[in-house]
Amino acid sequence: EPRRFFNLIDFMMCDKDGGGQIDEDECLEILYRRYGKRAMEKLQDKLLKMFGRELDYGEFLELVGSNVDGGGKIQPMLEEYGLAATPAAPTARKSAGNKRTPGSARRGNK
């Protein structure tokens, strides 16, 4: 499923030491990219109380959700501050059967 893969890649990119856990700063980096500065600032203290200083991948999924619509513990917190926004899911590539190029419509090609 694309969302699970997206979450895994995001987690691995921020796990700079490869230890299988991300610290508070690394987690906030992900939240900043996904939800913006305002959300990150509002949620920082709550997340620290909820998870402590480090999160493993399971806790990270618990926070952001593992399904396509986001979900996770972060959604109600975002809604509480009027920041509710489901992060954009990774876009799927067009199928190979639909090969349109920028000028193909003008030439009559479909």
Foldseek 3Di string as FASTA:
>chain_A
DQQQVVLVVLQCVLVVVPPQKHFLVSLLVSCCVFQNDVLSVQCSVVVCVVPNGIDGSVVSCQQQPRDQQGDHPSQVVCVVVPRHDRGHGDDDDDDPVPDDDPCQVVVVHD
